[in-house]
Structures are given as C-alpha cells and as structure tokens.
Amino acid sequence: MEARKFSTHILDTSVGKAAANVRVTVSRLDEIQEWRSLRAAQTDADGRCLLLEPGRFPSGIYKLTFHVGSYYAERNVKTLYPAIDLIVDCSENQNYHIPLLLNPFGYSTYRGT
C-alpha cells in the first residue's frame, strides 16, 4: 500500500494566481490535547507544498497555520489576516489535500484531491 500524503496549495483569488513563498506550519494534537509542532514548509512557485512526508503522517487532528501576513506585506497589500489556522481531522487512511482560496479580507478551504 502506498504511503498517504498530506499537502496543500494556496490560490490568491484577488489576483487569480498561486500564492508562492507562503510559510505553512503543521501541528498535531497529542494525547494530552496539546498542539505539538511538527514542521514548517513553504509554498513553491505554483503555491503548492507537501506538508508531511509520506510515511510520516499518522492519523490524528492537525492544525495548519498559513502565515499570510508577510505574503501580503511583501506586496504592500493590507489584510485582515496575519495568519489563518485550519484544524482538520485526518483520521481516515487516505491522502489529504487542503487547498486555501485566499484574498486579503476573506478565505475559504475545502478537501481537495
């Protein structure tokens, strides 16, 4: 059986382009209900990044923090969100791809493929 993957991508809907070089941190809720930081990643030129390597992705509750404040600051764009936290339940033995559709004053997300 292939190891499952955990990934994301960000689309800046205000300009219709991928959001490159955005830092994303991943944490996992541990057995005593505290967040344990696992990894920091950065989106590539296509706005994509692998959050956890295949084989290093056990079932559980994960928090993705998208550090979008610096992304907008570099573009001299005011935003309401310095960071966006998404908490997802990855308890099924499947791949998880969590896209973020972003603009300076709103966002949405969904489970992709």
PDB file of N, CA and C in Angstrom:
ATOM      1  N   MET A   1       0.844  -1.188   0.000  1.00  0.00           N
ATOM      2  CA  MET A   1       0.000   0.000   0.000  1.00  0.00           C
ATOM      3  C   MET A   1       0.888   1.249   0.000  1.00  0.00           C
ATOM      4  N   GLU A   2       0.548   2.206  -0.829  1.00  0.00           N
ATOM      5  CA  GLU A   2       1.306   3.457  -0.921  1.00  0.00           C
ATOM      6  C   GLU A   2       1.078   4.296   0.339  1.00  0.00           C
ATOM      7  N   ALA A   3       2.149   4.944   0.821  1.00  0.00           N
ATOM      8  CA  ALA A   3       2.028   5.817   1.985  1.00  0.00           C
ATOM      9  C   ALA A   3       1.162   7.019   1.630  1.00  0.00           C
ATOM     10  N   ARG A   4       0.307   7.398   2.544  1.00  0.00           N
ATOM     11  CA  ARG A   4      -0.591   8.513   2.265  1.00  0.00           C
ATOM     12  C   ARG A   4       0.130   9.851   2.359  1.00  0.00           C
ATOM     13  N   LYS A   5      -0.418  10.863   1.694  1.00  0.00           N
ATOM     14  CA  LYS A   5       0.219  12.177   1.589  1.00  0.00           C
ATOM     15  C   LYS A   5      -0.661  13.247   2.228  1.00  0.00           C
ATOM     16  N   PHE A   6      -0.013  14.317   2.679  1.00  0.00           N
ATOM     17  CA  PHE A   6      -0.689  15.465   3.282  1.00  0.00           C
ATOM     18  C   PHE A   6      -0.111  16.703   2.610  1.00  0.00           C
ATOM     19  N   SER A   7      -0.950  17.436   1.876  1.00  0.00           N
ATOM     20  CA  SER A   7      -0.448  18.546   1.073  1.00  0.00           C
ATOM     21  C   SER A   7      -1.449  19.696   1.045  1.00  0.00           C
ATOM     22  N   THR A   8      -0.998  20.826   0.496  1.00  0.00           N
ATOM     23  CA  THR A   8      -1.853  21.996   0.364  1.00  0.00           C
ATOM     24  C   THR A   8      -1.449  22.789  -0.861  1.00  0.00           C
ATOM     25  N   HIS A   9      -2.283  23.710  -1.236  1.00  0.00           N
ATOM     26  CA  HIS A   9      -1.895  24.762  -2.172  1.00  0.00           C
ATOM     27  C   HIS A   9      -2.736  25.993  -1.866  1.00  0.00           C
ATOM     28  N   ILE A  10      -2.204  27.145  -2.240  1.00  0.00           N
ATOM     29  CA  ILE A  10      -2.870  28.409  -1.969  1.00  0.00           C
ATOM     30  C   ILE A  10      -3.052  29.165  -3.276  1.00  0.00           C
ATOM     31  N   LEU A  11      -4.283  29.598  -3.507  1.00  0.00           N
ATOM     32  CA  LEU A  11      -4.589  30.442  -4.653  1.00  0.00           C
ATOM     33  C   LEU A  11      -5.032  31.800  -4.123  1.00  0.00           C
ATOM     34  N   ASP A  12      -4.342  32.853  -4.530  1.00  0.00           N
ATOM     35  CA  ASP A  12      -4.721  34.216  -4.173  1.00  0.00           C
ATOM     36  C   ASP A  12      -5.796  34.649  -5.162  1.00  0.00           C
ATOM     37  N   THR A  13      -7.053  34.564  -4.729  1.00  0.00           N
ATOM     38  CA  THR A  13      -8.167  34.843  -5.639  1.00  0.00           C
ATOM     39  C   THR A  13      -8.286  36.318  -5.984  1.00  0.00           C
ATOM     40  N   SER A  14      -7.617  37.197  -5.236  1.00  0.00           N
ATOM     41  CA  SER A  14      -7.680  38.630  -5.558  1.00  0.00           C
ATOM     42  C   SER A  14      -6.875  38.967  -6.808  1.00  0.00           C
ATOM     43  N   VAL A  15      -5.928  38.107  -7.168  1.00  0.00           N
ATOM     44  CA  VAL A  15      -5.135  38.330  -8.378  1.00  0.00           C
ATOM     45  C   VAL A  15      -5.202  37.145  -9.346  1.00  0.00           C
ATOM     46  N   GLY A  16      -5.872  36.068  -8.922  1.00  0.00           N
ATOM     47  CA  GLY A  16      -6.023  34.907  -9.788  1.00  0.00           C
ATOM     48  C   GLY A  16      -4.740  34.142 -10.021  1.00  0.00           C
ATOM     49  N   LYS A  17      -3.843  34.153  -9.009  1.00  0.00           N
ATOM     50  CA  LYS A  17      -2.553  33.471  -9.147  1.00  0.00           C
ATOM     51  C   LYS A  17      -2.227  32.685  -7.889  1.00  0.00           C
ATOM     52  N   ALA A  18      -1.329  31.742  -8.059  1.00  0.00           N
ATOM     53  CA  ALA A  18      -0.844  30.971  -6.915  1.00  0.00           C
ATOM     54  C   ALA A  18      -0.105  31.887  -5.943  1.00  0.00           C
ATOM     55  N   ALA A  19      -0.216  31.580  -4.667  1.00  0.00           N
ATOM     56  CA  ALA A  19       0.492  32.338  -3.632  1.00  0.00           C
ATOM     57  C   ALA A  19       1.793  31.601  -3.316  1.00  0.00           C
ATOM     58  N   ALA A  20       2.884  32.105  -3.884  1.00  0.00           N
ATOM     59  CA  ALA A  20       4.197  31.478  -3.703  1.00  0.00           C
ATOM     60  C   ALA A  20       4.872  32.015  -2.447  1.00  0.00           C
ATOM     61  N   ASN A  21       5.752  31.193  -1.898  1.00  0.00           N
ATOM     62  CA  ASN A  21       6.597  31.563  -0.753  1.00  0.00           C
ATOM     63  C   ASN A  21       5.812  31.917   0.504  1.00  0.00           C
ATOM     64  N   VAL A  22       4.712  31.223   0.732  1.00  0.00           N
ATOM     65  CA  VAL A  22       3.951  31.396   1.970  1.00  0.00           C
ATOM     66  C   VAL A  22       4.367  30.287   2.933  1.00  0.00           C
ATOM     67  N   ARG A  23       4.729  30.677   4.140  1.00  0.00           N
ATOM     68  CA  ARG A  23       5.120  29.708   5.170  1.00  0.00           C
ATOM     69  C   ARG A  23       3.867  29.043   5.731  1.00  0.00           C
ATOM     70  N   VAL A  24       3.934  27.722   5.860  1.00  0.00           N
ATOM     71  CA  VAL A  24       2.842  26.933   6.429  1.00  0.00           C
ATOM     72  C   VAL A  24       3.441  26.056   7.520  1.00  0.00           C
ATOM     73  N   THR A  25       2.891  26.149   8.728  1.00  0.00           N
ATOM     74  CA  THR A  25       3.362  25.281   9.800  1.00  0.00           C
ATOM     75  C   THR A  25       2.299  24.226  10.091  1.00  0.00           C
ATOM     76  N   VAL A  26       2.758  23.058  10.491  1.00  0.00           N
ATOM     77  CA  VAL A  26       1.876  21.923  10.767  1.00  0.00           C
ATOM     78  C   VAL A  26       2.082  21.491  12.213  1.00  0.00           C
ATOM     79  N   SER A  27       0.978  21.348  12.916  1.00  0.00           N
ATOM     80  CA  SER A  27       0.998  20.847  14.292  1.00  0.00           C
ATOM     81  C   SER A  27       0.002  19.698  14.394  1.00  0.00           C
ATOM     82  N   ARG A  28       0.218  18.835  15.387  1.00  0.00           N
ATOM     83  CA  ARG A  28      -0.681  17.694  15.612  1.00  0.00           C
ATOM     84  C   ARG A  28      -1.138  17.718  17.061  1.00  0.00           C
ATOM     85  N   LEU A  29      -2.405  17.447  17.280  1.00  0.00           N
ATOM     86  CA  LEU A  29      -2.948  17.378  18.629  1.00  0.00           C
ATOM     87  C   LEU A  29      -2.494  16.069  19.271  1.00  0.00           C
ATOM     88  N   ASP A  30      -1.783  16.174  20.392  1.00  0.00           N
ATOM     89  CA  ASP A  30      -1.253  14.958  21.012  1.00  0.00           C
ATOM     90  C   ASP A  30      -2.254  14.345  21.997  1.00  0.00           C
ATOM     91  N   GLU A  31      -1.834  13.283  22.643  1.00  0.00           N
ATOM     92  CA  GLU A  31      -2.725  12.518  23.524  1.00  0.00           C
ATOM     93  C   GLU A  31      -3.176  13.301  24.756  1.00  0.00           C
ATOM     94  N   ILE A  32      -2.471  14.368  25.131  1.00  0.00           N
ATOM     95  CA  ILE A  32      -2.899  15.192  26.274  1.00  0.00           C
ATOM     96  C   ILE A  32      -3.561  16.491  25.796  1.00  0.00           C
ATOM     97  N   GLN A  33      -4.003  16.484  24.535  1.00  0.00           N
ATOM     98  CA  GLN A  33      -4.762  17.581  23.944  1.00  0.00           C
ATOM     99  C   GLN A  33      -3.976  18.895  23.856  1.00  0.00           C
ATOM    100  N   GLU A  34      -2.687  18.780  23.557  1.00  0.00           N
ATOM    101  CA  GLU A  34      -1.845  19.945  23.306  1.00  0.00           C
ATOM    102  C   GLU A  34      -1.289  19.852  21.892  1.00  0.00           C
ATOM    103  N   TRP A  35      -1.099  21.018  21.274  1.00  0.00           N
ATOM    104  CA  TRP A  35      -0.560  21.064  19.915  1.00  0.00           C
ATOM    105  C   TRP A  35       0.940  20.857  19.953  1.00  0.00           C
ATOM    106  N   ARG A  36       1.418  19.927  19.136  1.00  0.00           N
ATOM    107  CA  ARG A  36       2.852  19.665  19.011  1.00  0.00           C
ATOM    108  C   ARG A  36       3.269  20.048  17.598  1.00  0.00           C
ATOM    109  N   SER A  37       4.169  21.018  17.510  1.00  0.00           N
ATOM    110  CA  SER A  37       4.654  21.482  16.213  1.00  0.00           C
ATOM    111  C   SER A  37       5.453  20.383  15.536  1.00  0.00           C
ATOM    112  N   LEU A  38       5.169  20.151  14.256  1.00  0.00           N
ATOM    113  CA  LEU A  38       5.838  19.084  13.510  1.00  0.00           C
ATOM    114  C   LEU A  38       6.786  19.598  12.441  1.00  0.00           C
ATOM    115  N   ARG A  39       6.367  20.634  11.714  1.00  0.00           N
ATOM    116  CA  ARG A  39       7.154  21.033  10.549  1.00  0.00           C
ATOM    117  C   ARG A  39       6.711  22.390  10.045  1.00  0.00           C
ATOM    118  N   ALA A  40       7.645  23.092   9.467  1.00  0.00           N
ATOM    119  CA  ALA A  40       7.343  24.305   8.701  1.00  0.00           C
ATOM    120  C   ALA A  40       7.695  24.022   7.250  1.00  0.00           C
ATOM    121  N   ALA A  41       6.837  24.450   6.360  1.00  0.00           N
ATOM    122  CA  ALA A  41       7.060  24.270   4.925  1.00  0.00           C
ATOM    123  C   ALA A  41       6.784  25.610   4.243  1.00  0.00           C
ATOM    124  N   GLN A  42       7.065  25.660   2.956  1.00  0.00           N
ATOM    125  CA  GLN A  42       6.829  26.890   2.208  1.00  0.00           C
ATOM    126  C   GLN A  42       6.268  26.529   0.845  1.00  0.00           C
ATOM    127  N   THR A  43       5.275  27.301   0.399  1.00  0.00           N
ATOM    128  CA  THR A  43       4.697  27.016  -0.906  1.00  0.00           C
ATOM    129  C   THR A  43       5.707  27.323  -2.013  1.00  0.00           C
ATOM    130  N   ASP A  44       5.643  26.520  -3.073  1.00  0.00           N
ATOM    131  CA  ASP A  44       6.541  26.715  -4.206  1.00  0.00           C
ATOM    132  C   ASP A  44       5.960  27.764  -5.164  1.00  0.00           C
ATOM    133  N   ALA A  45       6.547  27.912  -6.326  1.00  0.00           N
ATOM    134  CA  ALA A  45       6.110  28.918  -7.301  1.00  0.00           C
ATOM    135  C   ALA A  45       4.679  28.684  -7.762  1.00  0.00           C
ATOM    136  N   ASP A  46       4.202  27.438  -7.655  1.00  0.00           N
ATOM    137  CA  ASP A  46       2.833  27.103  -8.037  1.00  0.00           C
ATOM    138  C   ASP A  46       1.887  27.147  -6.836  1.00  0.00           C
ATOM    139  N   GLY A  47       2.369  27.648  -5.684  1.00  0.00           N
ATOM    140  CA  GLY A  47       1.550  27.762  -4.486  1.00  0.00           C
ATOM    141  C   GLY A  47       1.311  26.455  -3.756  1.00  0.00           C
ATOM    142  N   ARG A  48       2.086  25.433  -4.082  1.00  0.00           N
ATOM    143  CA  ARG A  48       1.876  24.096  -3.504  1.00  0.00           C
ATOM    144  C   ARG A  48       2.991  23.721  -2.538  1.00  0.00           C
ATOM    145  N   CYS A  49       2.641  22.864  -1.590  1.00  0.00           N
ATOM    146  CA  CYS A  49       3.696  22.266  -0.755  1.00  0.00           C
ATOM    147  C   CYS A  49       3.205  20.967  -0.128  1.00  0.00           C
ATOM    148  N   LEU A  50       4.157  20.088   0.068  1.00  0.00           N
ATOM    149  CA  LEU A  50       3.932  18.840   0.778  1.00  0.00           C
ATOM    150  C   LEU A  50       4.093  19.161   2.256  1.00  0.00           C
ATOM    151  N   LEU A  51       3.066  18.879   3.046  1.00  0.00           N
ATOM    152  CA  LEU A  51       3.092  19.242   4.459  1.00  0.00           C
ATOM    153  C   LEU A  51       3.835  18.219   5.308  1.00  0.00           C
ATOM    154  N   LEU A  52       3.549  16.953   5.070  1.00  0.00           N
ATOM    155  CA  LEU A  52       4.247  15.884   5.779  1.00  0.00           C
ATOM    156  C   LEU A  52       4.641  14.818   4.770  1.00  0.00           C
ATOM    157  N   GLU A  53       5.841  14.312   4.919  1.00  0.00           N
ATOM    158  CA  GLU A  53       6.350  13.289   4.004  1.00  0.00           C
ATOM    159  C   GLU A  53       5.516  12.015   4.109  1.00  0.00           C
ATOM    160  N   PRO A  54       5.307  11.336   2.987  1.00  0.00           N
ATOM    161  CA  PRO A  54       4.614  10.049   3.042  1.00  0.00           C
ATOM    162  C   PRO A  54       5.312   9.117   4.037  1.00  0.00           C
ATOM    163  N   GLY A  55       4.533   8.403   4.799  1.00  0.00           N
ATOM    164  CA  GLY A  55       5.088   7.509   5.805  1.00  0.00           C
ATOM    165  C   GLY A  55       5.305   8.191   7.155  1.00  0.00           C
ATOM    166  N   ARG A  56       5.202   9.512   7.204  1.00  0.00           N
ATOM    167  CA  ARG A  56       5.362  10.264   8.461  1.00  0.00           C
ATOM    168  C   ARG A  56       4.081  11.033   8.785  1.00  0.00           C
ATOM    169  N   PHE A  57       2.976  10.416   8.478  1.00  0.00           N
ATOM    170  CA  PHE A  57       1.691  11.082   8.574  1.00  0.00           C
ATOM    171  C   PHE A  57       0.668  10.160   9.243  1.00  0.00           C
ATOM    172  N   PRO A  58       0.748  10.018  10.577  1.00  0.00           N
ATOM    173  CA  PRO A  58      -0.213   9.166  11.277  1.00  0.00           C
ATOM    174  C   PRO A  58      -1.589   9.835  11.375  1.00  0.00           C
ATOM    175  N   SER A  59      -2.605   9.045  11.573  1.00  0.00           N
ATOM    176  CA  SER A  59      -3.952   9.580  11.767  1.00  0.00           C
ATOM    177  C   SER A  59      -3.968  10.518  12.962  1.00  0.00           C
ATOM    178  N   GLY A  60      -4.864  11.513  12.904  1.00  0.00           N
ATOM    179  CA  GLY A  60      -4.999  12.426  14.023  1.00  0.00           C
ATOM    180  C   GLY A  60      -5.614  13.744  13.613  1.00  0.00           C
ATOM    181  N   ILE A  61      -5.621  14.682  14.563  1.00  0.00           N
ATOM    182  CA  ILE A  61      -6.125  16.030  14.344  1.00  0.00           C
ATOM    183  C   ILE A  61      -4.914  16.923  14.104  1.00  0.00           C
ATOM    184  N   TYR A  62      -4.948  17.668  12.998  1.00  0.00           N
ATOM    185  CA  TYR A  62      -3.831  18.523  12.598  1.00  0.00           C
ATOM    186  C   TYR A  62      -4.278  19.972  12.502  1.00  0.00           C
ATOM    187  N   LYS A  63      -3.339  20.864  12.775  1.00  0.00           N
ATOM    188  CA  LYS A  63      -3.574  22.296  12.595  1.00  0.00           C
ATOM    189  C   LYS A  63      -2.576  22.817  11.578  1.00  0.00           C
ATOM    190  N   LEU A  64      -3.104  23.460  10.535  1.00  0.00           N
ATOM    191  CA  LEU A  64      -2.274  24.107   9.531  1.00  0.00           C
ATOM    192  C   LEU A  64      -2.345  25.602   9.796  1.00  0.00           C
ATOM    193  N   THR A  65      -1.205  26.237   9.920  1.00  0.00           N
ATOM    194  CA  THR A  65      -1.163  27.689  10.081  1.00  0.00           C
ATOM    195  C   THR A  65      -0.532  28.281   8.836  1.00  0.00           C
ATOM    196  N   PHE A  66      -1.326  29.047   8.114  1.00  0.00           N
ATOM    197  CA  PHE A  66      -0.872  29.722   6.907  1.00  0.00           C
ATOM    198  C   PHE A  66      -0.460  31.135   7.314  1.00  0.00           C
ATOM    199  N   HIS A  67       0.816  31.449   7.202  1.00  0.00           N
ATOM    200  CA  HIS A  67       1.356  32.744   7.618  1.00  0.00           C
ATOM    201  C   HIS A  67       1.252  33.717   6.440  1.00  0.00           C
ATOM    202  N   VAL A  68       0.043  34.240   6.232  1.00  0.00           N
ATOM    203  CA  VAL A  68      -0.236  35.048   5.042  1.00  0.00           C
ATOM    204  C   VAL A  68       0.052  36.533   5.233  1.00  0.00           C
ATOM    205  N   GLY A  69       0.236  36.983   6.457  1.00  0.00           N
ATOM    206  CA  GLY A  69       0.513  38.400   6.705  1.00  0.00           C
ATOM    207  C   GLY A  69       1.749  38.880   5.980  1.00  0.00           C
ATOM    208  N   SER A  70       2.817  38.105   6.047  1.00  0.00           N
ATOM    209  CA  SER A  70       4.059  38.507   5.373  1.00  0.00           C
ATOM    210  C   SER A  70       3.918  38.436   3.853  1.00  0.00           C
ATOM    211  N   TYR A  71       3.119  37.500   3.355  1.00  0.00           N
ATOM    212  CA  TYR A  71       2.856  37.406   1.912  1.00  0.00           C
ATOM    213  C   TYR A  71       2.243  38.716   1.412  1.00  0.00           C
ATOM    214  N   TYR A  72       1.235  39.219   2.131  1.00  0.00           N
ATOM    215  CA  TYR A  72       0.598  40.462   1.725  1.00  0.00           C
ATOM    216  C   TYR A  72       1.480  41.673   1.999  1.00  0.00           C
ATOM    217  N   ALA A  73       2.228  41.659   3.082  1.00  0.00           N
ATOM    218  CA  ALA A  73       3.124  42.786   3.389  1.00  0.00           C
ATOM    219  C   ALA A  73       4.150  42.980   2.273  1.00  0.00           C
ATOM    220  N   GLU A  74       4.673  41.880   1.734  1.00  0.00           N
ATOM    221  CA  GLU A  74       5.639  41.971   0.629  1.00  0.00           C
ATOM    222  C   GLU A  74       5.023  42.606  -0.613  1.00  0.00           C
ATOM    223  N   ARG A  75       3.714  42.540  -0.732  1.00  0.00           N
ATOM    224  CA  ARG A  75       3.015  43.096  -1.888  1.00  0.00           C
ATOM    225  C   ARG A  75       2.385  44.451  -1.575  1.00  0.00           C
ATOM    226  N   ASN A  76       2.642  44.929  -0.361  1.00  0.00           N
ATOM    227  CA  ASN A  76       2.093  46.212   0.104  1.00  0.00           C
ATOM    228  C   ASN A  76       0.563  46.223   0.032  1.00  0.00           C
ATOM    229  N   VAL A  77      -0.032  45.102   0.454  1.00  0.00           N
ATOM    230  CA  VAL A  77      -1.476  44.933   0.463  1.00  0.00           C
ATOM    231  C   VAL A  77      -1.921  44.747   1.913  1.00  0.00           C
ATOM    232  N   LYS A  78      -2.895  45.536   2.341  1.00  0.00           N
ATOM    233  CA  LYS A  78      -3.442  45.401   3.685  1.00  0.00           C
ATOM    234  C   LYS A  78      -4.315  44.152   3.740  1.00  0.00           C
ATOM    235  N   THR A  79      -4.220  43.411   4.862  1.00  0.00           N
ATOM    236  CA  THR A  79      -5.032  42.218   5.050  1.00  0.00           C
ATOM    237  C   THR A  79      -5.587  42.168   6.458  1.00  0.00           C
ATOM    238  N   LEU A  80      -6.698  41.512   6.604  1.00  0.00           N
ATOM    239  CA  LEU A  80      -7.297  41.287   7.913  1.00  0.00           C
ATOM    240  C   LEU A  80      -6.603  40.148   8.656  1.00  0.00           C
ATOM    241  N   TYR A  81      -5.953  39.263   7.918  1.00  0.00           N
ATOM    242  CA  TYR A  81      -5.427  38.026   8.478  1.00  0.00           C
ATOM    243  C   TYR A  81      -3.899  37.978   8.497  1.00  0.00           C
ATOM    244  N   PRO A  82      -3.270  38.094   9.654  1.00  0.00           N
ATOM    245  CA  PRO A  82      -1.830  37.874   9.716  1.00  0.00           C
ATOM    246  C   PRO A  82      -1.495  36.382   9.570  1.00  0.00           C
ATOM    247  N   ALA A  83      -2.429  35.535  10.019  1.00  0.00           N
ATOM    248  CA  ALA A  83      -2.270  34.084   9.893  1.00  0.00           C
ATOM    249  C   ALA A  83      -3.655  33.459   9.881  1.00  0.00           C
ATOM    250  N   ILE A  84      -3.754  32.304   9.259  1.00  0.00           N
ATOM    251  CA  ILE A  84      -5.015  31.565   9.198  1.00  0.00           C
ATOM    252  C   ILE A  84      -4.752  30.161   9.714  1.00  0.00           C
ATOM    253  N   ASP A  85      -5.504  29.750  10.749  1.00  0.00           N
ATOM    254  CA  ASP A  85      -5.408  28.397  11.290  1.00  0.00           C
ATOM    255  C   ASP A  85      -6.564  27.559  10.766  1.00  0.00           C
ATOM    256  N   LEU A  86      -6.233  26.382  10.250  1.00  0.00           N
ATOM    257  CA  LEU A  86      -7.243  25.401   9.855  1.00  0.00           C
ATOM    258  C   LEU A  86      -6.988  24.136  10.651  1.00  0.00           C
ATOM    259  N   ILE A  87      -8.028  23.606  11.248  1.00  0.00           N
ATOM    260  CA  ILE A  87      -7.907  22.371  12.011  1.00  0.00           C
ATOM    261  C   ILE A  87      -8.675  21.303  11.259  1.00  0.00           C
ATOM    262  N   VAL A  88      -7.994  20.200  10.962  1.00  0.00           N
ATOM    263  CA  VAL A  88      -8.577  19.143  10.151  1.00  0.00           C
ATOM    264  C   VAL A  88      -8.406  17.785  10.830  1.00  0.00           C
ATOM    265  N   ASP A  89      -9.412  16.958  10.657  1.00  0.00           N
ATOM    266  CA  ASP A  89      -9.406  15.599  11.194  1.00  0.00           C
ATOM    267  C   ASP A  89      -8.946  14.655  10.093  1.00  0.00           C
ATOM    268  N   CYS A  90      -7.744  14.158  10.236  1.00  0.00           N
ATOM    269  CA  CYS A  90      -7.157  13.248   9.237  1.00  0.00           C
ATOM    270  C   CYS A  90      -7.125  11.834   9.799  1.00  0.00           C
ATOM    271  N   SER A  91      -8.298  11.322  10.164  1.00  0.00           N
ATOM    272  CA  SER A  91      -8.343  10.020  10.810  1.00  0.00           C
ATOM    273  C   SER A  91      -8.555   8.857   9.846  1.00  0.00           C
ATOM    274  N   GLU A  92      -8.933   9.166   8.613  1.00  0.00           N
ATOM    275  CA  GLU A  92      -9.086   8.110   7.609  1.00  0.00           C
ATOM    276  C   GLU A  92      -7.724   7.796   6.987  1.00  0.00           C
ATOM    277  N   ASN A  93      -7.529   6.589   6.574  1.00  0.00           N
ATOM    278  CA  ASN A  93      -6.270   6.186   5.938  1.00  0.00           C
ATOM    279  C   ASN A  93      -6.323   6.562   4.454  1.00  0.00           C
ATOM    280  N   GLN A  94      -6.253   7.892   4.195  1.00  0.00           N
ATOM    281  CA  GLN A  94      -6.373   8.428   2.844  1.00  0.00           C
ATOM    282  C   GLN A  94      -5.382   9.569   2.669  1.00  0.00           C
ATOM    283  N   ASN A  95      -5.237  10.030   1.425  1.00  0.00           N
ATOM    284  CA  ASN A  95      -4.486  11.257   1.169  1.00  0.00           C
ATOM    285  C   ASN A  95      -5.346  12.447   1.586  1.00  0.00           C
ATOM    286  N   TYR A  96      -4.683  13.501   2.060  1.00  0.00           N
ATOM    287  CA  TYR A  96      -5.369  14.733   2.428  1.00  0.00           C
ATOM    288  C   TYR A  96      -4.690  15.889   1.707  1.00  0.00           C
ATOM    289  N   HIS A  97      -5.483  16.596   0.904  1.00  0.00           N
ATOM    290  CA  HIS A  97      -5.016  17.791   0.210  1.00  0.00           C
ATOM    291  C   HIS A  97      -5.976  18.903   0.607  1.00  0.00           C
ATOM    292  N   ILE A  98      -5.447  19.947   1.266  1.00  0.00           N
ATOM    293  CA  ILE A  98      -6.272  21.005   1.834  1.00  0.00           C
ATOM    294  C   ILE A  98      -5.927  22.333   1.156  1.00  0.00           C
ATOM    295  N   PRO A  99      -6.621  22.700   0.094  1.00  0.00           N
ATOM    296  CA  PRO A  99      -6.371  23.982  -0.571  1.00  0.00           C
ATOM    297  C   PRO A  99      -6.934  25.163   0.227  1.00  0.00           C
ATOM    298  N   LEU A 100      -6.315  26.321   0.033  1.00  0.00           N
ATOM    299  CA  LEU A 100      -6.770  27.567   0.626  1.00  0.00           C
ATOM    300  C   LEU A 100      -6.990  28.572  -0.496  1.00  0.00           C
ATOM    301  N   LEU A 101      -8.219  29.077  -0.612  1.00  0.00           N
ATOM    302  CA  LEU A 101      -8.543  30.147  -1.549  1.00  0.00           C
ATOM    303  C   LEU A 101      -8.514  31.430  -0.736  1.00  0.00           C
ATOM    304  N   LEU A 102      -7.618  32.320  -1.086  1.00  0.00           N
ATOM    305  CA  LEU A 102      -7.256  33.437  -0.227  1.00  0.00           C
ATOM    306  C   LEU A 102      -7.485  34.780  -0.908  1.00  0.00           C
ATOM    307  N   ASN A 103      -7.960  35.756  -0.137  1.00  0.00           N
ATOM    308  CA  ASN A 103      -7.919  37.152  -0.544  1.00  0.00           C
ATOM    309  C   ASN A 103      -7.689  37.975   0.726  1.00  0.00           C
ATOM    310  N   PRO A 104      -7.370  39.235   0.631  1.00  0.00           N
ATOM    311  CA  PRO A 104      -6.963  39.983   1.820  1.00  0.00           C
ATOM    312  C   PRO A 104      -8.008  40.062   2.933  1.00  0.00           C
ATOM    313  N   PHE A 105      -9.290  39.902   2.601  1.00  0.00           N
ATOM    314  CA  PHE A 105     -10.329  40.052   3.619  1.00  0.00           C
ATOM    315  C   PHE A 105     -11.273  38.860   3.691  1.00  0.00           C
ATOM    316  N   GLY A 106     -10.843  37.720   3.180  1.00  0.00           N
ATOM    317  CA  GLY A 106     -11.645  36.514   3.266  1.00  0.00           C
ATOM    318  C   GLY A 106     -10.882  35.310   2.768  1.00  0.00           C
ATOM    319  N   TYR A 107     -11.370  34.145   3.104  1.00  0.00           N
ATOM    320  CA  TYR A 107     -10.750  32.905   2.614  1.00  0.00           C
ATOM    321  C   TYR A 107     -11.781  31.783   2.678  1.00  0.00           C
ATOM    322  N   SER A 108     -11.523  30.746   1.920  1.00  0.00           N
ATOM    323  CA  SER A 108     -12.303  29.507   2.022  1.00  0.00           C
ATOM    324  C   SER A 108     -11.353  28.346   1.793  1.00  0.00           C
ATOM    325  N   THR A 109     -11.800  27.195   2.182  1.00  0.00           N
ATOM    326  CA  THR A 109     -10.985  25.993   2.069  1.00  0.00           C
ATOM    327  C   THR A 109     -11.899  24.809   1.802  1.00  0.00           C
ATOM    328  N   TYR A 110     -11.321  23.725   1.371  1.00  0.00           N
ATOM    329  CA  TYR A 110     -12.073  22.524   1.095  1.00  0.00           C
ATOM    330  C   TYR A 110     -11.106  21.360   1.075  1.00  0.00           C
ATOM    331  N   ARG A 111     -11.635  20.163   1.037  1.00  0.00           N
ATOM    332  CA  ARG A 111     -10.807  18.980   0.897  1.00  0.00           C
ATOM    333  C   ARG A 111     -10.682  18.672  -0.576  1.00  0.00           C
ATOM    334  N   GLY A 112      -9.458  18.786  -1.085  1.00  0.00           N
ATOM    335  CA  GLY A 112      -9.205  18.526  -2.496  1.00  0.00           C
ATOM    336  C   GLY A 112      -8.763  17.094  -2.720  1.00  0.00           C
ATOM    337  N   THR A 113      -8.272  16.855  -3.925  1.00  0.00           N
ATOM    338  CA  THR A 113      -7.797  15.513  -4.275  1.00  0.00           C
ATOM    339  C   THR A 113      -6.340  15.551  -4.633  1.00  0.00           C
TER     340      THR A 113
END
